[in-house]
C-alpha atoms as a PDB file:
ATOM      1  CA  MET A   1      -1.373   0.532  15.789  1.00  0.00           C
ATOM      2  CA  LEU A   2       0.397   2.329  13.029  1.00  0.00           C
ATOM      3  CA  GLN A   3       4.060   1.124  12.588  1.00  0.00           C
ATOM      4  CA  ILE A   4       7.201   2.885  11.260  1.00  0.00           C
ATOM      5  CA  ALA A   5      10.610   1.438  10.105  1.00  0.00           C
ATOM      6  CA  ILE A   6      13.683   3.517   9.777  1.00  0.00           C
ATOM      7  CA  CYS A   7      16.425   2.209   8.076  1.00  0.00           C
ATOM      8  CA  ASP A   8      19.897   4.065   7.415  1.00  0.00           C
ATOM      9  CA  ASP A   9      23.504   2.943   7.857  1.00  0.00           C
ATOM     10  CA  ASN A  10      24.645   6.436   8.981  1.00  0.00           C
ATOM     11  CA  LYS A  11      24.164   6.382  12.772  1.00  0.00           C
ATOM     12  CA  ALA A  12      23.962  10.161  13.213  1.00  0.00           C
ATOM     13  CA  GLU A  13      20.880  10.573  10.504  1.00  0.00           C
ATOM     14  CA  LEU A  14      19.431   7.342  12.216  1.00  0.00           C
ATOM     15  CA  LEU A  15      19.382   9.259  15.693  1.00  0.00           C
ATOM     16  CA  ARG A  16      18.261  12.538  13.803  1.00  0.00           C
ATOM     17  CA  ILE A  17      15.224  10.633  12.424  1.00  0.00           C
ATOM     18  CA  ARG A  18      14.201   8.886  15.719  1.00  0.00           C
ATOM     19  CA  GLU A  19      14.179  12.069  17.574  1.00  0.00           C
ATOM     20  CA  LEU A  20      11.828  13.678  14.649  1.00  0.00           C
ATOM     21  CA  ILE A  21       9.730  10.578  14.925  1.00  0.00           C
ATOM     22  CA  GLU A  22       9.521  10.759  18.736  1.00  0.00           C
ATOM     23  CA  GLU A  23       8.371  14.585  18.600  1.00  0.00           C
ATOM     24  CA  PHE A  24       5.729  13.617  16.006  1.00  0.00           C
ATOM     25  CA  LYS A  25       4.684  10.653  18.034  1.00  0.00           C
ATOM     26  CA  ALA A  26       4.567  12.593  21.296  1.00  0.00           C
ATOM     27  CA  SER A  27       2.343  15.512  19.404  1.00  0.00           C
ATOM     28  CA  HIS A  28      -0.109  12.917  17.990  1.00  0.00           C
ATOM     29  CA  SER A  29      -0.555  10.448  20.866  1.00  0.00           C
ATOM     30  CA  SER A  30      -4.012  11.348  21.254  1.00  0.00           C
ATOM     31  CA  ILE A  31      -4.575  10.740  17.502  1.00  0.00           C
ATOM     32  CA  TYR A  32      -2.502   7.799  16.661  1.00  0.00           C
ATOM     33  CA  ASN A  33      -0.915   4.761  18.589  1.00  0.00           C
ATOM     34  CA  ILE A  34       2.529   4.998  16.993  1.00  0.00           C
ATOM     35  CA  LYS A  35       5.253   2.226  17.110  1.00  0.00           C
ATOM     36  CA  TYR A  36       8.646   2.409  15.431  1.00  0.00           C
ATOM     37  CA  ASP A  37      11.877   0.134  14.788  1.00  0.00           C
ATOM     38  CA  THR A  38      15.184   1.432  13.635  1.00  0.00           C
ATOM     39  CA  PHE A  39      17.512  -0.765  11.455  1.00  0.00           C
ATOM     40  CA  SER A  40      21.171  -0.229  10.038  1.00  0.00           C
ATOM     41  CA  SER A  41      20.842  -2.416   7.331  1.00  0.00           C
ATOM     42  CA  GLY A  42      18.318  -3.258   4.880  1.00  0.00           C
ATOM     43  CA  LEU A  43      18.758  -6.831   5.231  1.00  0.00           C
ATOM     44  CA  ASP A  44      17.851  -6.647   9.204  1.00  0.00           C
ATOM     45  CA  LEU A  45      14.673  -4.711   8.158  1.00  0.00           C
ATOM     46  CA  LEU A  46      13.892  -7.416   5.381  1.00  0.00           C
ATOM     47  CA  MET A  47      14.349 -10.196   7.964  1.00  0.00           C
ATOM     48  CA  ALA A  48      11.687  -8.457  10.330  1.00  0.00           C
ATOM     49  CA  THR A  49       9.340  -8.278   7.571  1.00  0.00           C
ATOM     50  CA  GLU A  50       9.864 -11.911   6.706  1.00  0.00           C
ATOM     51  CA  ASN A  51       9.460 -12.892  10.534  1.00  0.00           C
ATOM     52  CA  GLY A  52       5.955 -11.386  10.325  1.00  0.00           C
ATOM     53  CA  THR A  53       6.315  -7.464  11.204  1.00  0.00           C
ATOM     54  CA  SER A  54       4.339  -5.602   8.677  1.00  0.00           C
ATOM     55  CA  TYR A  55       5.050  -1.541   8.475  1.00  0.00           C
ATOM     56  CA  ASP A  56       2.636   0.903   7.520  1.00  0.00           C
ATOM     57  CA  ILE A  57       5.457   3.642   6.530  1.00  0.00           C
ATOM     58  CA  LEU A  58       9.031   2.646   5.592  1.00  0.00           C
ATOM     59  CA  ILE A  59      11.738   5.433   5.811  1.00  0.00           C
ATOM     60  CA  LEU A  60      14.579   4.126   3.720  1.00  0.00           C
ATOM     61  CA  ASP A  61      18.023   5.567   3.185  1.00  0.00           C
ATOM     62  CA  VAL A  62      18.794   4.852  -0.757  1.00  0.00           C
ATOM     63  CA  VAL A  63      22.629   4.490  -0.441  1.00  0.00           C
ATOM     64  CA  MET A  64      23.541   1.446   1.909  1.00  0.00           C
ATOM     65  CA  PRO A  65      26.163  -1.543   1.817  1.00  0.00           C
ATOM     66  CA  LEU A  66      25.289  -4.836   0.648  1.00  0.00           C
ATOM     67  CA  MET A  67      21.683  -3.771  -0.320  1.00  0.00           C
ATOM     68  CA  THR A  68      20.084  -0.464  -1.365  1.00  0.00           C
ATOM     69  CA  GLY A  69      16.959   1.321  -0.168  1.00  0.00           C
ATOM     70  CA  ILE A  70      15.490   0.674  -3.928  1.00  0.00           C
ATOM     71  CA  GLU A  71      16.264  -3.222  -3.502  1.00  0.00           C
ATOM     72  CA  VAL A  72      14.849  -3.499  -0.096  1.00  0.00           C
ATOM     73  CA  ALA A  73      11.783  -1.753  -1.435  1.00  0.00           C
ATOM     74  CA  THR A  74      11.513  -4.028  -4.304  1.00  0.00           C
ATOM     75  CA  GLU A  75      11.396  -7.081  -1.967  1.00  0.00           C
ATOM     76  CA  ILE A  76       8.806  -5.526   0.351  1.00  0.00           C
ATOM     77  CA  ARG A  77       6.540  -4.472  -2.693  1.00  0.00           C
ATOM     78  CA  LYS A  78       6.433  -8.337  -3.729  1.00  0.00           C
ATOM     79  CA  LYS A  79       4.341  -8.867  -0.550  1.00  0.00           C
ATOM     80  CA  ASN A  80       3.066  -5.287   0.768  1.00  0.00           C
ATOM     81  CA  THR A  81       1.518  -2.789  -1.748  1.00  0.00           C
ATOM     82  CA  LEU A  82      -0.111  -0.576   1.064  1.00  0.00           C
ATOM     83  CA  SER A  83       3.093   0.980   2.809  1.00  0.00           C
ATOM     84  CA  LYS A  84       4.019   4.383   2.213  1.00  0.00           C
ATOM     85  CA  ILE A  85       7.702   4.299   1.303  1.00  0.00           C
ATOM     86  CA  LEU A  86       9.896   7.520   1.921  1.00  0.00           C
ATOM     87  CA  PHE A  87      13.378   7.601   0.491  1.00  0.00           C
ATOM     88  CA  LEU A  88      16.213   9.587   1.911  1.00  0.00           C
ATOM     89  CA  THR A  89      19.500  10.327  -0.120  1.00  0.00           C
ATOM     90  CA  SER A  90      21.913  13.155  -0.626  1.00  0.00           C
ATOM     91  CA  SER A  91      21.304  12.793  -4.325  1.00  0.00           C
ATOM     92  CA  ARG A  92      18.513  12.826  -7.079  1.00  0.00           C
ATOM     93  CA  GLU A  93      19.713  10.074  -9.190  1.00  0.00           C
ATOM     94  CA  PHE A  94      17.614   7.612  -7.982  1.00  0.00           C
ATOM     95  CA  ALA A  95      14.583   9.413  -8.150  1.00  0.00           C
ATOM     96  CA  VAL A  96      13.427   7.522 -11.168  1.00  0.00           C
ATOM     97  CA  ASP A  97      14.140   4.158  -9.476  1.00  0.00           C
ATOM     98  CA  SER A  98      11.953   5.068  -6.624  1.00  0.00           C
ATOM     99  CA  TYR A  99       8.933   5.501  -8.766  1.00  0.00           C
ATOM    100  CA  LYS A 100       9.247   1.691  -9.795  1.00  0.00           C
ATOM    101  CA  VAL A 101       8.341   0.880  -6.200  1.00  0.00           C
ATOM    102  CA  ASP A 102       5.597   3.455  -5.873  1.00  0.00           C
ATOM    103  CA  ALA A 103       7.489   5.541  -3.356  1.00  0.00           C
ATOM    104  CA  PHE A 104       5.261   8.103  -1.450  1.00  0.00           C
ATOM    105  CA  TYR A 105       8.156  10.594  -1.580  1.00  0.00           C
ATOM    106  CA  TYR A 106      11.793  11.215  -2.084  1.00  0.00           C
ATOM    107  CA  LEU A 107      13.662  13.680   0.433  1.00  0.00           C
ATOM    108  CA  LEU A 108      17.112  15.008   0.169  1.00  0.00           C
ATOM    109  CA  LYS A 109      19.454  14.983   3.053  1.00  0.00           C
ATOM    110  CA  PRO A 110      20.121  16.482   5.364  1.00  0.00           C
ATOM    111  CA  ILE A 111      16.765  15.530   7.098  1.00  0.00           C
ATOM    112  CA  LYS A 112      15.034  18.676   8.679  1.00  0.00           C
ATOM    113  CA  LYS A 113      11.894  18.782  10.484  1.00  0.00           C
ATOM    114  CA  GLU A 114       9.951  20.923   8.083  1.00  0.00           C
ATOM    115  CA  GLY A 115      10.633  18.410   5.427  1.00  0.00           C
ATOM    116  CA  LEU A 116       9.731  15.169   7.241  1.00  0.00           C
ATOM    117  CA  ILE A 117       6.854  16.106   9.774  1.00  0.00           C
ATOM    118  CA  PRO A 118       4.483  17.468   6.886  1.00  0.00           C
ATOM    119  CA  LEU A 119       5.322  14.069   5.087  1.00  0.00           C
ATOM    120  CA  LEU A 120       4.224  11.864   8.080  1.00  0.00           C
ATOM    121  CA  GLU A 121       1.024  14.022   8.533  1.00  0.00           C
ATOM    122  CA  LYS A 122       0.034  13.294   4.823  1.00  0.00           C
ATOM    123  CA  ALA A 123       1.179   9.595   4.890  1.00  0.00           C
ATOM    124  CA  PHE A 124      -0.916   9.052   8.329  1.00  0.00           C
ATOM    125  CA  SER A 125      -3.718  10.595   7.184  1.00  0.00           C
ATOM    126  CA  ASP A 126      -3.840   8.455   4.012  1.00  0.00           C
ATOM    127  CA  LEU A 127      -3.379   5.261   5.837  1.00  0.00           C
ATOM    128  CA  VAL A 128      -5.953   5.945   8.270  1.00  0.00           C
ATOM    129  CA  ASP A 129      -8.456   6.672   5.489  1.00  0.00           C
ATOM    130  CA  LYS A 130      -7.474   3.513   3.787  1.00  0.00           C
ATOM    131  CA  LYS A 131      -7.398   1.474   6.689  1.00  0.00           C
ATOM    132  CA  GLU A 132     -10.754   2.674   8.280  1.00  0.00           C
ATOM    133  CA  LYS A 133     -12.979   2.325   5.271  1.00  0.00           C
ATOM    134  CA  GLY A 134     -15.179  -0.976   5.065  1.00  0.00           C
ATOM    135  CA  ILE A 135     -18.353  -2.481   3.682  1.00  0.00           C
ATOM    136  CA  LEU A 136     -20.843  -4.782   5.367  1.00  0.00           C
ATOM    137  CA  VAL A 137     -21.257  -7.888   3.881  1.00  0.00           C
ATOM    138  CA  LYS A 138     -23.936 -10.352   4.824  1.00  0.00           C
ATOM    139  CA  CYS A 139     -22.714 -13.908   4.398  1.00  0.00           C
ATOM    140  CA  LYS A 140     -24.508 -17.165   4.772  1.00  0.00           C
ATOM    141  CA  THR A 141     -23.572 -17.687   8.287  1.00  0.00           C
ATOM    142  CA  CYS A 142     -22.720 -14.221   9.530  1.00  0.00           C
ATOM    143  CA  LEU A 143     -22.537 -10.353   9.104  1.00  0.00           C
ATOM    144  CA  THR A 144     -19.184  -8.913   8.537  1.00  0.00           C
ATOM    145  CA  ASN A 145     -17.427  -5.748   8.123  1.00  0.00           C
ATOM    146  CA  VAL A 146     -14.925  -6.232   5.133  1.00  0.00           C
ATOM    147  CA  LEU A 147     -12.298  -3.521   5.432  1.00  0.00           C
ATOM    148  CA  LEU A 148     -11.473  -2.143   1.845  1.00  0.00           C
ATOM    149  CA  HIS A 149      -7.635  -2.562   2.126  1.00  0.00           C
ATOM    150  CA  ASN A 150      -8.200  -6.471   2.612  1.00  0.00           C
ATOM    151  CA  LEU A 151     -10.399  -6.900  -0.341  1.00  0.00           C
ATOM    152  CA  GLU A 152      -8.286  -7.999  -3.623  1.00  0.00           C
ATOM    153  CA  TYR A 153     -11.375  -8.113  -6.017  1.00  0.00           C
ATOM    154  CA  ILE A 154     -15.032  -8.852  -6.116  1.00  0.00           C
ATOM    155  CA  GLU A 155     -16.680 -11.215  -8.872  1.00  0.00           C
ATOM    156  CA  VAL A 156     -20.404 -11.837  -9.439  1.00  0.00           C
ATOM    157  CA  LEU A 157     -21.999 -15.177 -10.873  1.00  0.00           C
ATOM    158  CA  GLY A 158     -25.546 -14.958 -11.458  1.00  0.00           C
ATOM    159  CA  ARG A 159     -26.820 -13.549  -7.950  1.00  0.00           C
ATOM    160  CA  THR A 160     -24.051 -14.765  -5.996  1.00  0.00           C
ATOM    161  CA  LEU A 161     -21.268 -11.993  -5.020  1.00  0.00           C
ATOM    162  CA  PHE A 162     -17.750 -13.619  -4.173  1.00  0.00           C
ATOM    163  CA  PHE A 163     -15.620 -11.428  -1.967  1.00  0.00           C
ATOM    164  CA  HIS A 164     -11.930 -12.443  -2.531  1.00  0.00           C
ATOM    165  CA  LEU A 165      -9.649 -11.137   0.428  1.00  0.00           C
ATOM    166  CA  THR A 166      -5.874 -10.751   0.629  1.00  0.00           C
ATOM    167  CA  SER A 167      -6.017 -13.603   3.057  1.00  0.00           C
ATOM    168  CA  ASP A 168      -7.045 -15.943   0.280  1.00  0.00           C
ATOM    169  CA  GLU A 169     -10.380 -16.195   2.281  1.00  0.00           C
ATOM    170  CA  VAL A 170     -13.595 -16.021   0.025  1.00  0.00           C
ATOM    171  CA  LEU A 171     -16.875 -14.651   1.306  1.00  0.00           C
ATOM    172  CA  GLU A 172     -19.908 -15.486  -0.630  1.00  0.00           C
ATOM    173  CA  SER A 173     -23.200 -13.241  -0.628  1.00  0.00           C
ATOM    174  CA  LEU A 174     -26.498 -12.860  -2.350  1.00  0.00           C
ATOM    175  CA  GLY A 175     -26.688  -9.524  -4.185  1.00  0.00           C
ATOM    176  CA  THR A 176     -25.750  -7.897  -7.524  1.00  0.00           C
ATOM    177  CA  MET A 177     -22.987  -5.892  -8.702  1.00  0.00           C
ATOM    178  CA  SER A 178     -24.918  -2.693  -9.110  1.00  0.00           C
ATOM    179  CA  GLN A 179     -25.521  -2.814  -5.425  1.00  0.00           C
ATOM    180  CA  LEU A 180     -21.683  -2.162  -4.723  1.00  0.00           C
ATOM    181  CA  GLU A 181     -20.579  -0.208  -7.797  1.00  0.00           C
ATOM    182  CA  ASN A 182     -21.860   3.136  -6.510  1.00  0.00           C
ATOM    183  CA  ASP A 183     -19.852   2.787  -3.005  1.00  0.00           C
ATOM    184  CA  LEU A 184     -16.581   1.117  -4.422  1.00  0.00           C
ATOM    185  CA  LEU A 185     -16.480   3.037  -7.583  1.00  0.00           C
ATOM    186  CA  SER A 186     -16.417   6.297  -5.756  1.00  0.00           C
ATOM    187  CA  ASP A 187     -13.250   5.058  -3.937  1.00  0.00           C
ATOM    188  CA  LYS A 188     -10.224   5.745  -6.327  1.00  0.00           C
ATOM    189  CA  ARG A 189      -8.535   2.352  -5.596  1.00  0.00           C
ATOM    190  CA  PHE A 190     -11.201   0.357  -7.260  1.00  0.00           C
ATOM    191  CA  ILE A 191     -11.887  -0.099 -11.016  1.00  0.00           C
ATOM    192  CA  LYS A 192     -14.536  -2.328 -13.020  1.00  0.00           C
ATOM    193  CA  PRO A 193     -12.642  -4.025 -15.770  1.00  0.00           C
ATOM    194  CA  HIS A 194     -15.068  -6.375 -16.840  1.00  0.00           C
ATOM    195  CA  ARG A 195     -19.265  -6.376 -16.101  1.00  0.00           C
ATOM    196  CA  SER A 196     -18.698  -9.363 -13.534  1.00  0.00           C
ATOM    197  CA  TYR A 197     -15.559  -7.985 -11.349  1.00  0.00           C
ATOM    198  CA  LEU A 198     -14.580  -5.093  -9.258  1.00  0.00           C
ATOM    199  CA  VAL A 199     -10.829  -4.938  -8.441  1.00  0.00           C
ATOM    200  CA  ASN A 200      -8.589  -3.160  -5.829  1.00  0.00           C
ATOM    201  CA  MET A 201      -5.855  -1.602  -7.792  1.00  0.00           C
ATOM    202  CA  ASP A 202      -3.558  -1.788  -4.413  1.00  0.00           C
ATOM    203  CA  TRP A 203      -3.355  -5.449  -5.266  1.00  0.00           C
ATOM    204  CA  ILE A 204      -2.674  -5.562  -8.784  1.00  0.00           C
ATOM    205  CA  GLN A 205       0.575  -7.504  -9.547  1.00  0.00           C
ATOM    206  CA  ARG A 206       0.388  -6.762 -13.412  1.00  0.00           C
ATOM    207  CA  ILE A 207      -1.884  -5.867 -16.441  1.00  0.00           C
ATOM    208  CA  THR A 208      -1.758  -8.010 -19.518  1.00  0.00           C
ATOM    209  CA  ASP A 209      -3.904  -7.274 -22.777  1.00  0.00           C
ATOM    210  CA  LYS A 210      -6.373  -9.788 -21.561  1.00  0.00           C
ATOM    211  CA  ASP A 211      -6.530  -9.841 -17.847  1.00  0.00           C
ATOM    212  CA  ILE A 212      -5.273  -8.520 -14.532  1.00  0.00           C
ATOM    213  CA  ILE A 213      -3.112 -10.605 -12.299  1.00  0.00           C
ATOM    214  CA  THR A 214      -3.495  -9.882  -8.717  1.00  0.00           C
ATOM    215  CA  PHE A 215      -0.781 -10.343  -6.192  1.00  0.00           C
ATOM    216  CA  SER A 216      -2.562 -13.712  -5.071  1.00  0.00           C
ATOM    217  CA  ASN A 217      -1.901 -14.779  -8.773  1.00  0.00           C
ATOM    218  CA  LYS A 218      -5.316 -14.711  -9.531  1.00  0.00           C
ATOM    219  CA  PRO A 219      -6.386 -13.454 -13.254  1.00  0.00           C
ATOM    220  CA  VAL A 220      -9.375 -11.191 -13.673  1.00  0.00           C
ATOM    221  CA  PRO A 221     -10.473 -10.635 -17.078  1.00  0.00           C
ATOM    222  CA  ILE A 222     -10.389  -7.248 -18.937  1.00  0.00           C
ATOM    223  CA  SER A 223     -13.109  -6.301 -21.484  1.00  0.00           C
ATOM    224  CA  ARG A 224     -11.491  -5.441 -24.863  1.00  0.00           C
ATOM    225  CA  GLU A 225     -13.177  -2.300 -24.906  1.00  0.00           C
ATOM    226  CA  LEU A 226     -11.988  -1.148 -21.627  1.00  0.00           C
ATOM    227  CA  TYR A 227      -8.357  -2.331 -21.765  1.00  0.00           C
ATOM    228  CA  LYS A 228      -6.921   1.100 -22.544  1.00  0.00           C
ATOM    229  CA  THR A 229      -9.235   2.975 -20.148  1.00  0.00           C
ATOM    230  CA  ILE A 230      -8.566   0.590 -17.457  1.00  0.00           C
ATOM    231  CA  LYS A 231      -4.558   0.331 -18.398  1.00  0.00           C
ATOM    232  CA  GLN A 232      -4.423   4.463 -18.053  1.00  0.00           C
ATOM    233  CA  THR A 233      -6.324   4.623 -14.953  1.00  0.00           C
ATOM    234  CA  TYR A 234      -3.903   2.063 -13.281  1.00  0.00           C
ATOM    235  CA  ILE A 235      -0.767   3.932 -14.595  1.00  0.00           C
ATOM    236  CA  ASN A 236      -2.426   7.245 -12.987  1.00  0.00           C
ATOM    237  CA  TYR A 237      -3.413   5.705  -9.743  1.00  0.00           C
ATOM    238  CA  SER A 238       0.223   4.067  -9.494  1.00  0.00           C
ATOM    239  CA  PHE A 239       1.837   7.489  -9.958  1.00  0.00           C
ATOM    240  CA  ASP A 240      -0.583   9.449  -7.867  1.00  0.00           C
ATOM    241  CA  GLY A 241      -0.275   7.316  -4.882  1.00  0.00           C
END
């Protein structure tokens, strides 16, 4: 299931977007299982996410009372780096701020079908590609398919691979890093900052001159000679989305 959150304090705009989502949902029912929720305030949306609801696409009005769409997105990004965020506004003045939360797109009001529908097509296509990719990991007790969007980073010690998942679970498997590199480095999400590590850039919280800090606050070392390349690759990936 793919879930959408629509948040706008303007009732007319909220209804218009809801109608377009319904139209998109009906025309894509054979491809996607879509569910959506509507919110008239950012605080209500945040409460829903804090109660455990995770949205794949967030359609946020920028200018709302009490809490702006940018502020809402900033809070959500602290725990969720994968959602596609689409901002709606009647002004371009917040465009720069939208990049700080890795916005998928910035759509000017009034919302039109020819503007929103193609963006939904692209967002869903990207999400499905990311969610469906995985690798088979042979652990000591089982064989499991690890979806790449759930993989934070991999480290190797000797001939043991440690798969660090976003759930804080760590899977152990016998093998070498070279066996994984061809598959993972062909996916633009992954980088190799050190000979013993592969990292999913979707789960990078920040980069220092010595290491990468993941969203689970785990440090991954960066080789000195690779620092500039890794930093630029991450910047490019963040802006390309």
